[in-house]
Amino acid sequence: MKKIATIFFFLLAFSLAPYTSFADISVTLNLDRNEATLSDTVRMTISIKGSRESDLEPVIHGLESFDVMRCGTSSRFEFINGSLNSGVDYQYSIRPQKAGTFKIGPVELKIKGKTIRSGIKTLKIVERARTTGLYRGSLFLSAGVSPAKVYVEEQAVYTLKLYHLAKVKDLTLDLPDIEHLQFKQLGKPVQYQGVYNGTYYNILEVRYAITPLKEGIYEIRPSKLGLNVYESGQISPFDMFNDNFFDLSAGRPTTLTSEPLELNVIPIPHEGRPQDFSGLVGSFRINTRLEPSELKAGESATLTVTLSGRGNINRIPDINGPELENVKVYADQPVIKVAPDSPGPSGSKTMKWALVPEKEGRYRIKPVSISFFDTVGGKYRVIKTPALLLLVRPGGTGKVMPLTGDGKSEVKAGPAKKEIKELGHDILPVHTSIKDIVPEGRFKPGTLSFLLIFLGPCFVYLGVFTGTRYYKKKGGSKAFTKAKSASGIVAQRCKKAGISSSEMTHIIRDYINDRFGQSHGVPTPDEAAEIIRSNGAGADTVNELRAVLQTLEDAVYTGKGNKPCNMEKDIRDLIKRIEKESR
């Protein structure tokens, strides 16, 4: 019944397609982080909105210094505000070959002969993270601050990384409370995988902007992270509900602490400080526009000034509006936008004024200037807008009377009121018979065209329903045949000597998909282990499959995917045990 409802939904969607509007086609490039080490693998996602298919694979520029692995695709199909939207996501893993700062993108995509391009992302690759050379265990918390020396109100980035091999849940973070230092989270936590001291870890990273309010040398005390650790085989079967009521295995409570750090905050110099300096620190730019720049007296123009950049956005001062003779100026409420991204907060402040000239003429709007301390150059800078010209032509013959002291509205004296002239009727005629509203032509009730229009969808639905039942039976027999032959295919493929780690990974994942009726995706080691566990495999077999896939995946990610894995016999024995234990 659920499938029938799904089919009916898609029939309805496509029947309504003429009345819905597809969003503009666009392509977006995203990276799971902006900085990584030579040993890390970065997740790259290419999202296409407005189309679920393209003429060719996406062409990605800027990946000459990376090893690229395709991780699969996923489609989207959704209704948003009455519009039918579709899309597809391409997933990739990229591994750097050398250190440096790289521009990745744009992505070029051909859809129906039209080339669509994405934006460009910057990825900084550094040498391996400095480590102690000692094994820190399967679970630890690391902290870092960059830069370690800043000016007052210049923002530093405080980064916490949780390295873990086992599954963790119920995380609670306690940041250090330090006088004159303000912490603000930058974006959402990100998860990825990387290498530390030769060990492959799952990594959870979260970043905070630190804003120092006073100069001095600050000791950033260790952060504390409380969590529950679940070792292999300890996850409850009710874990999917993510509810403590069903959580029969509470895990092992653990508290981790990071290393202490030091932040050196130096004062902003007094030498060269402008008189109008408001405390703005960072890197900023200013833009202005006047729309329209030519109008009639009595009409309104809008002056917009936008100051944007990276730094202490909340310190951007309010700007006084222009003072122009014979022009009324009405200020709008300033709008501040702050975007906390991984390099640090960025944003803008937009100020608008409505200008209403009372008489014709040429009005010069003076430049607007703002001073700030440039932390990159270590000096004060003044930025200003260009002067603007407002050209006002004569307006109507009416005269704008000024407001009187009693607060009444402006009175506009003009020519005498014109005689009212009838332009047309706006009331529909009243029909006294049903015959008057019967449509003429081939779509009259009772005609063949009328029956096809109103009864056709019913026949289409019945046809699809019957076809679905048929293909369900046919598809079920195919799935049964594939499941029965899955282990035999593995045995045949494993007879070949010198199978590489990459090829062996595909052999095992093809077996999991065929044997247990999964879609032909790319299950992770944990997902594959969960699939065989839910089908009756024992704990030892589940753990062995997870370890084998993790070993093979490590080889692939570390550039050894094309080398022989020498695991053919072990894999055949493992598959036999899975067959014996599974339902």
Protein backbone atom coordinates (compact mmCIF):
# COMPACT_ATOMS: atom_id res chain seq x y z
CA MET A 1 0.00 0.00 0.00
CA LYS A 2 2.91 2.33 0.76
CA LYS A 3 4.36 1.83 -2.72
CA ILE A 4 0.95 2.47 -4.28
CA ALA A 5 0.73 5.77 -2.40
CA THR A 6 4.23 6.69 -3.59
CA ILE A 7 3.31 5.94 -7.19
CA PHE A 8 0.14 8.00 -6.87
CA PHE A 9 2.16 10.89 -5.43
CA PHE A 10 4.54 10.92 -8.40
CA LEU A 11 1.62 10.66 -10.82
CA LEU A 12 0.09 13.67 -9.13
CA ALA A 13 3.41 15.53 -9.19
CA PHE A 14 3.91 15.00 -12.91
CA SER A 15 0.24 15.76 -13.68
CA LEU A 16 0.73 19.10 -11.91
CA ALA A 17 4.07 19.78 -13.62
CA PRO A 18 2.59 22.31 -16.08
CA TYR A 19 1.37 24.37 -13.11
CA THR A 20 4.66 24.32 -11.17
CA SER A 21 7.85 26.24 -11.87
CA PHE A 22 11.28 24.69 -11.60
CA ALA A 23 13.94 26.69 -9.79
CA ASP A 24 16.84 28.09 -11.80
CA ILE A 25 19.55 25.54 -12.41
CA SER A 26 22.65 26.20 -10.30
CA VAL A 27 25.73 24.30 -9.13
CA THR A 28 27.46 24.74 -5.75
CA LEU A 29 30.87 23.51 -4.59
CA ASN A 30 31.36 22.78 -0.86
CA LEU A 31 34.28 21.46 1.22
CA ASP A 32 33.90 20.02 4.71
CA ARG A 33 36.67 22.35 5.96
CA ASN A 34 38.97 25.14 4.78
CA GLU A 35 42.23 23.80 6.25
CA ALA A 36 43.71 20.30 6.37
CA THR A 37 47.05 18.49 6.68
CA LEU A 38 48.87 16.37 4.12
CA SER A 39 47.59 13.22 5.83
CA ASP A 40 43.91 14.27 5.80
CA THR A 41 41.14 13.41 3.36
CA VAL A 42 38.73 16.26 2.59
CA ARG A 43 35.10 15.63 1.65
CA MET A 44 33.98 17.61 -1.41
CA THR A 45 30.31 17.91 -2.42
CA ILE A 46 28.98 19.25 -5.72
CA SER A 47 25.28 20.11 -5.44
CA ILE A 48 23.15 20.70 -8.53
CA LYS A 49 19.82 22.43 -7.97
CA GLY A 50 17.04 22.49 -10.55
CA SER A 51 18.07 19.36 -12.49
CA ARG A 52 18.63 15.69 -11.68
CA GLU A 53 20.71 14.89 -14.75
CA SER A 54 23.52 16.41 -16.79
CA ASP A 55 25.02 15.76 -20.19
CA LEU A 56 28.42 14.81 -18.74
CA GLU A 57 30.19 14.34 -15.40
CA PRO A 58 31.07 17.62 -13.62
CA VAL A 59 34.44 19.07 -14.65
CA ILE A 60 36.28 20.31 -11.53
CA HIS A 61 39.16 22.72 -11.96
CA GLY A 62 42.00 23.15 -9.47
CA LEU A 63 42.49 19.49 -8.46
CA GLU A 64 45.87 18.93 -10.13
CA SER A 65 47.57 18.64 -6.71
CA PHE A 66 45.03 16.20 -5.24
CA ASP A 67 44.17 12.52 -5.49
CA VAL A 68 40.43 12.31 -6.16
CA MET A 69 38.07 9.45 -5.34
CA ARG A 70 34.40 9.38 -6.38
CA CYS A 71 32.15 8.41 -3.43
CA GLY A 72 28.74 8.26 -5.12
CA THR A 73 25.71 10.41 -5.88
CA SER A 74 22.34 11.11 -4.29
CA SER A 75 19.20 12.63 -5.83
CA ARG A 76 16.68 15.08 -4.39
CA PHE A 77 13.06 15.66 -5.34
CA GLU A 78 10.97 18.08 -3.28
CA PHE A 79 8.13 20.61 -3.24
CA ILE A 80 9.01 24.07 -1.90
CA ASN A 81 6.37 26.81 -1.80
CA GLY A 82 4.35 25.17 -4.57
CA SER A 83 7.36 24.73 -6.86
CA LEU A 84 8.77 21.39 -7.89
CA ASN A 85 12.53 21.25 -7.20
CA SER A 86 14.95 18.50 -8.06
CA GLY A 87 18.68 18.10 -7.69
CA VAL A 88 21.64 15.75 -7.35
CA ASP A 89 24.73 15.72 -5.11
CA TYR A 90 28.10 14.34 -6.26
CA GLN A 91 30.35 13.23 -3.40
CA TYR A 92 34.17 13.08 -3.66
CA SER A 93 37.11 12.49 -1.33
CA ILE A 94 40.23 14.49 -2.16
CA ARG A 95 43.67 13.88 -0.69
CA PRO A 96 46.44 16.53 -1.02
CA GLN A 97 49.79 15.68 -2.60
CA LYS A 98 51.66 18.74 -1.31
CA ALA A 99 51.31 21.66 1.09
CA GLY A 100 50.11 25.09 0.02
CA THR A 101 47.01 27.21 -0.53
CA PHE A 102 44.87 26.03 -3.44
CA LYS A 103 41.91 27.47 -5.33
CA ILE A 104 39.43 24.64 -6.03
CA GLY A 105 36.86 25.30 -8.71
CA PRO A 106 34.97 26.43 -10.55
CA VAL A 107 32.92 23.34 -11.34
CA GLU A 108 31.63 23.29 -14.93
CA LEU A 109 28.54 21.30 -15.81
CA LYS A 110 26.70 20.93 -19.11
CA ILE A 111 22.93 20.60 -18.82
CA LYS A 112 20.87 20.57 -22.02
CA GLY A 113 23.78 22.13 -23.88
CA LYS A 114 24.18 25.00 -21.40
CA THR A 115 27.34 25.37 -19.30
CA ILE A 116 26.79 26.17 -15.61
CA ARG A 117 29.66 27.19 -13.30
CA SER A 118 30.06 27.22 -9.53
CA GLY A 119 32.08 29.49 -7.31
CA ILE A 120 35.64 28.88 -6.09
CA LYS A 121 36.72 27.56 -2.68
CA THR A 122 40.10 28.09 -1.00
CA LEU A 123 41.73 25.12 0.76
CA LYS A 124 44.89 25.51 2.83
CA ILE A 125 47.06 22.40 3.17
CA VAL A 126 49.74 22.41 5.87
CA GLU A 127 52.43 19.91 6.78
CA ARG A 128 51.55 17.17 9.22
CA ALA A 129 50.32 18.51 12.53
CA ARG A 130 53.04 18.89 15.12
CA THR A 131 52.82 15.94 17.48
CA THR A 132 54.69 14.64 20.46
CA GLY A 133 55.65 11.42 18.71
CA LEU A 134 53.89 9.50 21.48
CA TYR A 135 50.76 7.41 21.01
CA ARG A 136 47.95 9.31 22.74
CA GLY A 137 45.48 6.44 22.80
CA SER A 138 42.21 5.76 21.03
CA LEU A 139 40.47 8.85 22.45
CA PHE A 140 41.83 12.32 23.19
CA LEU A 141 41.04 16.04 22.89
CA SER A 142 43.43 18.51 21.27
CA ALA A 143 43.31 22.34 21.19
CA GLY A 144 45.01 25.05 19.16
CA VAL A 145 44.82 28.84 18.74
CA SER A 146 45.75 30.83 15.63
CA PRO A 147 47.29 33.34 15.52
CA ALA A 148 48.92 33.22 18.94
CA LYS A 149 49.60 36.98 18.88
CA VAL A 150 46.79 39.47 18.17
CA TYR A 151 45.79 43.09 18.74
CA VAL A 152 43.03 44.13 21.13
CA GLU A 153 39.67 43.18 19.55
CA GLU A 154 41.40 41.30 16.73
CA GLN A 155 39.89 37.84 16.61
CA ALA A 156 41.87 34.63 17.02
CA VAL A 157 40.47 31.18 16.17
CA TYR A 158 40.36 28.57 18.94
CA THR A 159 40.09 25.03 17.51
CA LEU A 160 39.14 21.89 19.43
CA LYS A 161 39.56 18.44 17.87
CA LEU A 162 38.22 15.21 19.31
CA TYR A 163 40.16 12.19 18.03
CA HIS A 164 38.34 8.88 18.54
CA LEU A 165 38.34 5.30 17.31
CA ALA A 166 35.23 4.06 19.16
CA LYS A 167 31.73 5.48 18.85
CA VAL A 168 30.96 8.42 21.16
CA LYS A 169 27.69 10.06 22.22
CA ASP A 170 26.21 12.62 24.60
CA LEU A 171 28.99 15.22 24.28
CA THR A 172 29.05 18.18 26.68
CA LEU A 173 31.75 20.84 26.32
CA ASP A 174 32.94 23.17 29.06
CA LEU A 175 35.03 26.06 27.68
CA PRO A 176 37.41 28.00 29.93
CA ASP A 177 35.92 31.17 31.42
CA ILE A 178 38.60 33.85 31.13
CA GLU A 179 38.12 37.51 31.98
CA HIS A 180 38.46 39.88 28.99
CA LEU A 181 38.25 36.99 26.46
CA GLN A 182 34.97 36.35 24.61
CA PHE A 183 34.29 33.00 22.90
CA LYS A 184 31.82 32.66 19.99
CA GLN A 185 31.26 29.45 18.03
CA LEU A 186 32.06 29.58 14.29
CA GLY A 187 29.62 27.49 12.31
CA LYS A 188 28.63 23.91 13.05
CA PRO A 189 31.04 21.14 14.14
CA VAL A 190 32.50 19.12 11.24
CA GLN A 191 33.44 15.44 11.15
CA TYR A 192 36.13 13.88 9.01
CA GLN A 193 38.95 11.34 9.13
CA GLY A 194 42.67 11.96 9.44
CA VAL A 195 46.01 10.61 10.61
CA TYR A 196 47.73 11.54 13.87
CA ASN A 197 51.12 10.01 14.73
CA GLY A 198 50.53 7.31 12.12
CA THR A 199 47.11 6.28 13.52
CA TYR A 200 43.91 6.75 11.50
CA TYR A 201 41.22 8.55 13.57
CA ASN A 202 37.68 9.84 13.27
CA ILE A 203 37.88 13.57 14.05
CA LEU A 204 35.21 15.94 15.33
CA GLU A 205 36.26 19.58 15.00
CA VAL A 206 34.65 22.74 16.38
CA ARG A 207 35.98 26.30 16.12
CA TYR A 208 35.46 29.41 18.22
CA ALA A 209 36.36 33.05 17.65
CA ILE A 210 38.20 34.59 20.61
CA THR A 211 37.84 38.36 20.95
CA PRO A 212 40.27 39.89 23.48
CA LEU A 213 39.02 43.10 25.08
CA LYS A 214 42.23 44.06 26.87
CA GLU A 215 45.96 43.67 26.23
CA GLY A 216 48.02 41.13 28.14
CA ILE A 217 49.31 37.55 28.05
CA TYR A 218 46.43 35.14 28.68
CA GLU A 219 46.65 31.52 29.70
CA ILE A 220 43.81 29.64 28.02
CA ARG A 221 43.04 26.88 30.50
CA PRO A 222 42.15 23.39 29.25
CA SER A 223 38.67 22.78 27.88
CA LYS A 224 36.74 19.82 29.30
CA LEU A 225 34.66 17.43 27.23
CA GLY A 226 32.29 14.93 28.82
CA LEU A 227 31.03 12.02 26.70
CA ASN A 228 29.96 8.39 26.67
CA VAL A 229 32.21 5.90 24.88
CA TYR A 230 30.78 2.78 23.24
CA GLU A 231 33.26 0.03 22.50
CA SER A 232 32.66 -2.53 19.75
CA GLY A 233 29.56 -4.63 20.40
CA GLN A 234 28.37 -2.31 23.19
CA ILE A 235 25.72 -0.42 21.18
CA SER A 236 22.18 -1.31 22.19
CA PRO A 237 19.80 -2.60 19.49
CA PHE A 238 17.51 0.25 20.48
CA ASP A 239 20.20 2.85 19.73
CA MET A 240 18.38 3.87 16.56
CA PHE A 241 15.74 5.60 18.68
CA ASN A 242 18.42 7.88 20.19
CA ASP A 243 16.42 7.94 23.43
CA ASN A 244 17.68 7.21 26.92
CA PHE A 245 14.47 5.24 27.64
CA PHE A 246 15.52 2.61 25.10
CA ASP A 247 19.26 2.91 25.82
CA LEU A 248 19.97 -0.37 27.56
CA SER A 249 23.72 0.17 27.14
CA ALA A 250 24.69 3.51 28.65
CA GLY A 251 28.33 3.38 27.54
CA ARG A 252 31.37 4.33 29.54
CA PRO A 253 31.29 7.93 30.88
CA THR A 254 34.58 9.74 30.21
CA THR A 255 35.91 13.27 30.65
CA LEU A 256 38.70 14.58 28.41
CA THR A 257 40.79 17.73 28.79
CA SER A 258 42.77 19.64 26.18
CA GLU A 259 46.23 21.09 26.58
CA PRO A 260 46.60 24.66 27.98
CA LEU A 261 47.48 27.43 25.51
CA GLU A 262 48.78 30.99 25.58
CA LEU A 263 47.44 34.06 23.74
CA ASN A 264 49.49 37.27 23.54
CA VAL A 265 47.29 40.38 23.11
CA ILE A 266 49.05 43.63 22.25
CA PRO A 267 47.48 47.13 22.35
CA ILE A 268 46.46 49.11 19.29
CA PRO A 269 49.09 51.85 18.77
CA HIS A 270 48.22 55.47 19.60
CA GLU A 271 50.54 56.86 16.93
CA GLY A 272 48.63 57.79 13.77
CA ARG A 273 45.19 57.16 15.30
CA PRO A 274 42.50 59.18 13.44
CA GLN A 275 40.22 61.43 15.49
CA ASP A 276 37.09 59.63 14.28
CA PHE A 277 38.46 56.14 15.08
CA SER A 278 35.61 54.11 16.60
CA GLY A 279 37.58 50.98 17.57
CA LEU A 280 36.96 49.14 14.31
CA VAL A 281 39.64 46.44 13.90
CA GLY A 282 40.12 44.08 10.96
CA SER A 283 39.92 44.44 7.20
CA PHE A 284 37.03 46.36 5.61
CA ARG A 285 35.76 47.93 2.39
CA ILE A 286 33.01 50.46 1.66
CA ASN A 287 30.51 50.71 -1.21
CA THR A 288 27.81 53.25 -2.02
CA ARG A 289 25.09 53.68 -4.62
CA LEU A 290 22.34 56.19 -5.45
CA GLU A 291 19.18 54.93 -7.10
CA PRO A 292 17.96 56.68 -9.15
CA SER A 293 20.53 59.39 -9.74
CA GLU A 294 18.10 61.45 -11.87
CA LEU A 295 14.49 62.20 -10.94
CA LYS A 296 11.81 64.89 -10.71
CA ALA A 297 11.23 67.22 -7.79
CA GLY A 298 8.98 65.58 -5.22
CA GLU A 299 10.11 62.07 -6.13
CA SER A 300 12.33 59.89 -3.92
CA ALA A 301 15.85 58.48 -4.39
CA THR A 302 17.64 55.97 -2.13
CA LEU A 303 21.23 56.41 -0.95
CA THR A 304 22.80 53.14 0.26
CA VAL A 305 26.16 52.81 2.06
CA THR A 306 27.48 49.30 2.87
CA LEU A 307 30.57 48.64 4.98
CA SER A 308 31.71 45.00 4.89
CA GLY A 309 34.70 42.92 5.85
CA ARG A 310 36.17 40.68 8.54
CA GLY A 311 36.69 41.79 12.12
CA ASN A 312 34.63 43.23 14.97
CA ILE A 313 31.56 43.93 12.84
CA ASN A 314 29.52 45.23 15.77
CA ARG A 315 31.95 48.16 16.08
CA ILE A 316 30.96 49.61 12.69
CA PRO A 317 29.66 53.11 13.56
CA ASP A 318 26.43 54.66 12.35
CA ILE A 319 27.00 57.17 9.56
CA ASN A 320 25.24 60.52 9.47
CA GLY A 321 23.05 61.09 6.44
CA PRO A 322 23.86 63.78 3.88
CA GLU A 323 22.86 67.39 4.61
CA LEU A 324 21.44 68.90 1.42
CA GLU A 325 19.56 72.19 1.06
CA ASN A 326 16.01 71.78 -0.27
CA VAL A 327 16.21 67.99 0.16
CA LYS A 328 14.39 66.11 2.86
CA VAL A 329 16.38 63.14 4.25
CA TYR A 330 14.70 60.17 5.94
CA ALA A 331 17.00 57.58 7.57
CA ASP A 332 16.20 53.87 7.53
CA GLN A 333 17.12 51.43 10.30
CA PRO A 334 20.69 50.07 9.78
CA VAL A 335 20.95 46.34 9.02
CA ILE A 336 23.86 44.28 10.42
CA LYS A 337 24.65 40.83 9.04
CA VAL A 338 27.26 38.56 10.64
CA ALA A 339 28.40 35.27 9.09
CA PRO A 340 30.48 33.16 11.54
CA ASP A 341 32.57 30.99 9.20
CA SER A 342 35.68 28.96 9.94
CA PRO A 343 38.34 31.68 9.28
CA GLY A 344 36.52 34.04 11.67
CA PRO A 345 33.42 36.24 11.73
CA SER A 346 32.70 38.33 8.65
CA GLY A 347 29.73 40.53 7.85
CA SER A 348 28.39 43.89 6.82
CA LYS A 349 26.41 46.91 7.95
CA THR A 350 24.02 48.56 5.48
CA MET A 351 22.62 52.08 6.00
CA LYS A 352 19.98 53.67 3.77
CA TRP A 353 18.43 57.12 3.40
CA ALA A 354 15.47 58.28 1.34
CA LEU A 355 16.18 61.62 -0.38
CA VAL A 356 13.19 63.75 -1.45
CA PRO A 357 14.25 66.95 -3.30
CA GLU A 358 11.75 69.84 -3.15
CA LYS A 359 13.05 71.74 -6.19
CA GLU A 360 15.06 71.11 -9.31
CA GLY A 361 18.84 71.41 -9.43
CA ARG A 362 22.13 69.53 -9.16
CA TYR A 363 22.91 68.22 -5.68
CA ARG A 364 26.37 66.98 -4.73
CA ILE A 365 26.48 64.26 -2.07
CA LYS A 366 29.78 64.45 -0.21
CA PRO A 367 32.05 61.40 0.23
CA VAL A 368 31.62 59.22 3.33
CA SER A 369 34.78 58.08 5.15
CA ILE A 370 35.46 55.42 7.80
CA SER A 371 38.70 54.72 9.68
CA PHE A 372 39.81 51.34 11.04
CA PHE A 373 42.95 49.58 12.23
CA ASP A 374 44.24 47.14 9.62
CA THR A 375 45.60 44.14 11.54
CA VAL A 376 47.32 42.71 8.44
CA GLY A 377 49.33 45.86 7.69
CA GLY A 378 49.57 46.92 11.35
CA LYS A 379 48.44 50.49 10.66
CA TYR A 380 45.38 52.74 10.53
CA ARG A 381 43.52 53.13 7.26
CA VAL A 382 40.81 55.48 6.04
CA ILE A 383 38.43 54.36 3.32
CA LYS A 384 35.92 56.65 1.64
CA THR A 385 33.19 56.63 -0.98
CA PRO A 386 33.26 58.79 -4.12
CA ALA A 387 31.14 61.92 -4.33
CA LEU A 388 27.75 61.36 -5.96
CA LEU A 389 25.58 63.68 -8.06
CA LEU A 390 21.77 63.83 -7.84
CA LEU A 391 20.15 65.53 -10.84
CA VAL A 392 16.62 66.84 -10.17
CA ARG A 393 14.36 67.98 -13.00
CA PRO A 394 11.29 70.21 -12.54
CA GLY A 395 8.31 68.35 -11.11
CA GLY A 396 4.54 68.92 -11.58
CA THR A 397 2.80 72.25 -11.44
CA GLY A 398 1.67 71.56 -7.91
CA LYS A 399 3.47 73.15 -5.01
CA VAL A 400 4.44 71.21 -1.90
CA MET A 401 3.19 73.09 1.15
CA PRO A 402 5.36 72.69 4.29
CA LEU A 403 4.06 71.00 7.41
CA THR A 404 2.26 73.34 9.76
CA GLY A 405 2.70 73.36 13.47
CA ASP A 406 -0.53 71.46 14.07
CA GLY A 407 1.05 68.31 12.62
CA LYS A 408 -1.26 68.02 9.62
CA SER A 409 -0.01 66.32 6.48
CA GLU A 410 1.44 68.19 3.55
CA VAL A 411 -1.11 69.78 1.23
CA LYS A 412 -0.44 69.76 -2.47
CA ALA A 413 -2.02 72.55 -4.47
CA GLY A 414 -2.68 71.66 -8.09
CA PRO A 415 -5.03 72.07 -11.02
CA ALA A 416 -8.80 71.72 -10.67
CA LYS A 417 -10.27 68.27 -10.29
CA LYS A 418 -11.10 66.67 -13.62
CA GLU A 419 -14.54 65.36 -14.47
CA ILE A 420 -14.90 61.64 -13.87
CA LYS A 421 -14.90 59.65 -17.10
CA GLU A 422 -16.23 56.11 -17.38
CA LEU A 423 -13.53 53.84 -18.83
CA GLY A 424 -15.36 50.47 -18.82
CA HIS A 425 -17.36 47.90 -16.89
CA ASP A 426 -15.65 45.73 -14.26
CA ILE A 427 -18.67 43.56 -13.32
CA LEU A 428 -19.20 40.24 -15.14
CA PRO A 429 -22.58 39.63 -16.75
CA VAL A 430 -25.15 37.62 -14.81
CA HIS A 431 -26.09 34.33 -16.50
CA THR A 432 -29.63 32.97 -16.09
CA SER A 433 -29.08 29.55 -17.70
CA ILE A 434 -26.48 26.78 -17.42
CA LYS A 435 -26.27 26.75 -21.19
CA ASP A 436 -24.66 30.16 -21.13
CA ILE A 437 -21.55 28.85 -19.37
CA VAL A 438 -21.08 25.57 -21.27
CA PRO A 439 -17.80 25.84 -23.17
CA GLU A 440 -17.91 25.72 -26.93
CA GLY A 441 -15.64 23.49 -29.02
CA ARG A 442 -14.24 19.96 -28.66
CA PHE A 443 -14.06 19.96 -24.82
CA LYS A 444 -17.84 19.99 -24.28
CA PRO A 445 -19.10 17.43 -21.72
CA GLY A 446 -19.86 14.10 -23.35
CA THR A 447 -17.32 14.42 -26.15
CA LEU A 448 -14.36 12.02 -26.55
CA SER A 449 -11.84 14.76 -25.71
CA PHE A 450 -13.71 15.54 -22.49
CA LEU A 451 -13.67 11.87 -21.44
CA LEU A 452 -9.95 11.51 -22.21
CA ILE A 453 -9.07 14.59 -20.16
CA PHE A 454 -11.00 13.57 -17.05
CA LEU A 455 -10.81 9.75 -17.19
CA GLY A 456 -7.32 9.38 -18.69
CA PRO A 457 -5.41 9.75 -15.36
CA CYS A 458 -7.45 6.90 -13.87
CA PHE A 459 -6.42 4.54 -16.66
CA VAL A 460 -2.78 5.68 -16.33
CA TYR A 461 -2.88 4.96 -12.59
CA LEU A 462 -4.33 1.46 -13.14
CA GLY A 463 -1.70 0.74 -15.79
CA VAL A 464 1.17 1.82 -13.54
CA PHE A 465 -0.28 -0.15 -10.62
CA THR A 466 -0.55 -3.34 -12.70
CA GLY A 467 2.95 -2.86 -14.10
CA THR A 468 4.36 -2.33 -10.63
CA ARG A 469 2.84 -5.57 -9.39
CA TYR A 470 4.32 -7.41 -12.35
CA TYR A 471 7.80 -5.95 -12.01
CA LYS A 472 7.72 -6.45 -8.27
CA LYS A 473 7.31 -10.20 -8.78
CA LYS A 474 9.88 -10.22 -11.53
CA GLY A 475 12.29 -8.06 -9.53
CA GLY A 476 11.82 -10.25 -6.46
CA SER A 477 12.95 -13.32 -8.34
CA LYS A 478 15.99 -11.43 -9.62
CA ALA A 479 16.92 -10.34 -6.10
CA PHE A 480 16.55 -13.92 -4.83
CA THR A 481 18.81 -15.21 -7.62
CA LYS A 482 21.45 -12.57 -6.91
CA ALA A 483 21.37 -13.33 -3.18
CA LYS A 484 21.85 -17.07 -3.79
CA SER A 485 24.78 -16.56 -6.16
CA ALA A 486 26.52 -13.75 -4.24
CA SER A 487 28.92 -15.99 -2.27
CA GLY A 488 29.79 -18.03 -5.36
CA ILE A 489 30.70 -14.85 -7.24
CA VAL A 490 33.04 -13.84 -4.41
CA ALA A 491 34.71 -17.27 -4.50
CA GLN A 492 35.23 -16.98 -8.27
CA ARG A 493 36.62 -13.45 -8.09
CA CYS A 494 38.96 -14.34 -5.20
CA LYS A 495 40.62 -17.13 -7.21
CA LYS A 496 42.68 -14.51 -9.00
CA ALA A 497 46.01 -13.86 -7.29
CA GLY A 498 47.32 -10.41 -6.44
CA ILE A 499 43.96 -8.68 -5.94
CA SER A 500 44.48 -5.05 -4.93
CA SER A 501 42.98 -3.48 -1.81
CA SER A 502 40.74 -1.28 -3.95
CA GLU A 503 39.38 -4.22 -5.96
CA MET A 504 38.87 -6.34 -2.84
CA THR A 505 36.87 -3.51 -1.27
CA HIS A 506 34.55 -3.55 -4.29
CA ILE A 507 34.23 -7.35 -4.14
CA ILE A 508 33.10 -7.28 -0.50
CA ARG A 509 30.71 -4.36 -0.98
CA ASP A 510 29.18 -5.95 -4.09
CA TYR A 511 28.61 -9.10 -2.03
CA ILE A 512 26.92 -7.14 0.78
CA ASN A 513 24.64 -5.34 -1.69
CA ASP A 514 23.68 -8.50 -3.64
CA ARG A 515 23.40 -10.89 -0.71
CA PHE A 516 21.25 -8.66 1.50
CA GLY A 517 19.30 -6.76 -1.15
CA GLN A 518 20.89 -3.38 -0.59
CA SER A 519 20.98 -0.58 -3.13
CA HIS A 520 24.30 -0.49 -4.96
CA GLY A 521 25.78 2.27 -2.84
CA VAL A 522 29.07 2.33 -0.95
CA PRO A 523 28.46 1.12 2.63
CA THR A 524 31.05 2.18 5.20
CA PRO A 525 32.72 -0.46 7.40
CA ASP A 526 30.28 0.31 10.21
CA GLU A 527 27.27 0.18 7.87
CA ALA A 528 28.36 -3.15 6.35
CA ALA A 529 28.89 -4.61 9.82
CA GLU A 530 25.43 -3.45 10.90
CA ILE A 531 23.85 -5.04 7.79
CA ILE A 532 25.22 -8.51 8.53
CA ARG A 533 24.57 -8.14 12.26
CA SER A 534 20.89 -7.36 11.62
CA ASN A 535 20.71 -10.48 9.46
CA GLY A 536 21.96 -12.81 12.20
CA ALA A 537 25.77 -12.77 11.95
CA GLY A 538 27.63 -13.27 15.24
CA ALA A 539 29.62 -10.59 17.04
CA ASP A 540 33.03 -12.07 16.07
CA THR A 541 32.07 -12.19 12.41
CA VAL A 542 30.68 -8.67 12.54
CA ASN A 543 33.87 -7.31 14.11
CA GLU A 544 36.08 -9.16 11.64
CA LEU A 545 34.18 -7.74 8.64
CA ARG A 546 34.45 -4.23 10.06
CA ALA A 547 38.21 -4.65 10.66
CA VAL A 548 38.81 -6.09 7.17
CA LEU A 549 36.95 -3.26 5.43
CA GLN A 550 38.68 -0.65 7.59
CA THR A 551 42.10 -2.14 6.74
CA LEU A 552 41.30 -2.13 3.03
CA GLU A 553 39.91 1.40 3.20
CA ASP A 554 43.01 2.63 5.04
CA ALA A 555 45.17 1.17 2.28
CA VAL A 556 43.11 2.97 -0.35
CA TYR A 557 43.19 6.32 1.47
CA THR A 558 46.96 6.09 2.09
CA GLY A 559 47.82 5.54 -1.58
CA LYS A 560 48.27 1.75 -1.36
CA GLY A 561 44.96 0.87 -2.99
CA ASN A 562 46.58 -0.57 -6.13
CA LYS A 563 48.95 -2.88 -4.24
CA PRO A 564 48.06 -6.57 -3.57
CA CYS A 565 46.22 -7.06 -0.29
CA ASN A 566 47.05 -10.82 0.06
CA MET A 567 43.72 -11.49 1.78
CA GLU A 568 41.98 -13.77 -0.75
CA LYS A 569 41.80 -16.86 1.48
CA ASP A 570 40.77 -14.87 4.56
CA ILE A 571 37.95 -13.20 2.61
CA ARG A 572 36.63 -16.52 1.30
CA ASP A 573 36.58 -17.95 4.82
CA LEU A 574 34.87 -14.82 6.16
CA ILE A 575 32.15 -15.00 3.48
CA LYS A 576 31.52 -18.66 4.32
CA ARG A 577 30.96 -17.76 7.99
CA ILE A 578 28.60 -14.93 7.02
CA GLU A 579 26.60 -17.35 4.85
CA LYS A 580 26.45 -19.91 7.64
CA GLU A 581 25.32 -17.47 10.32
CA SER A 582 22.97 -15.24 8.31
CA ARG A 583 19.25 -15.79 7.96
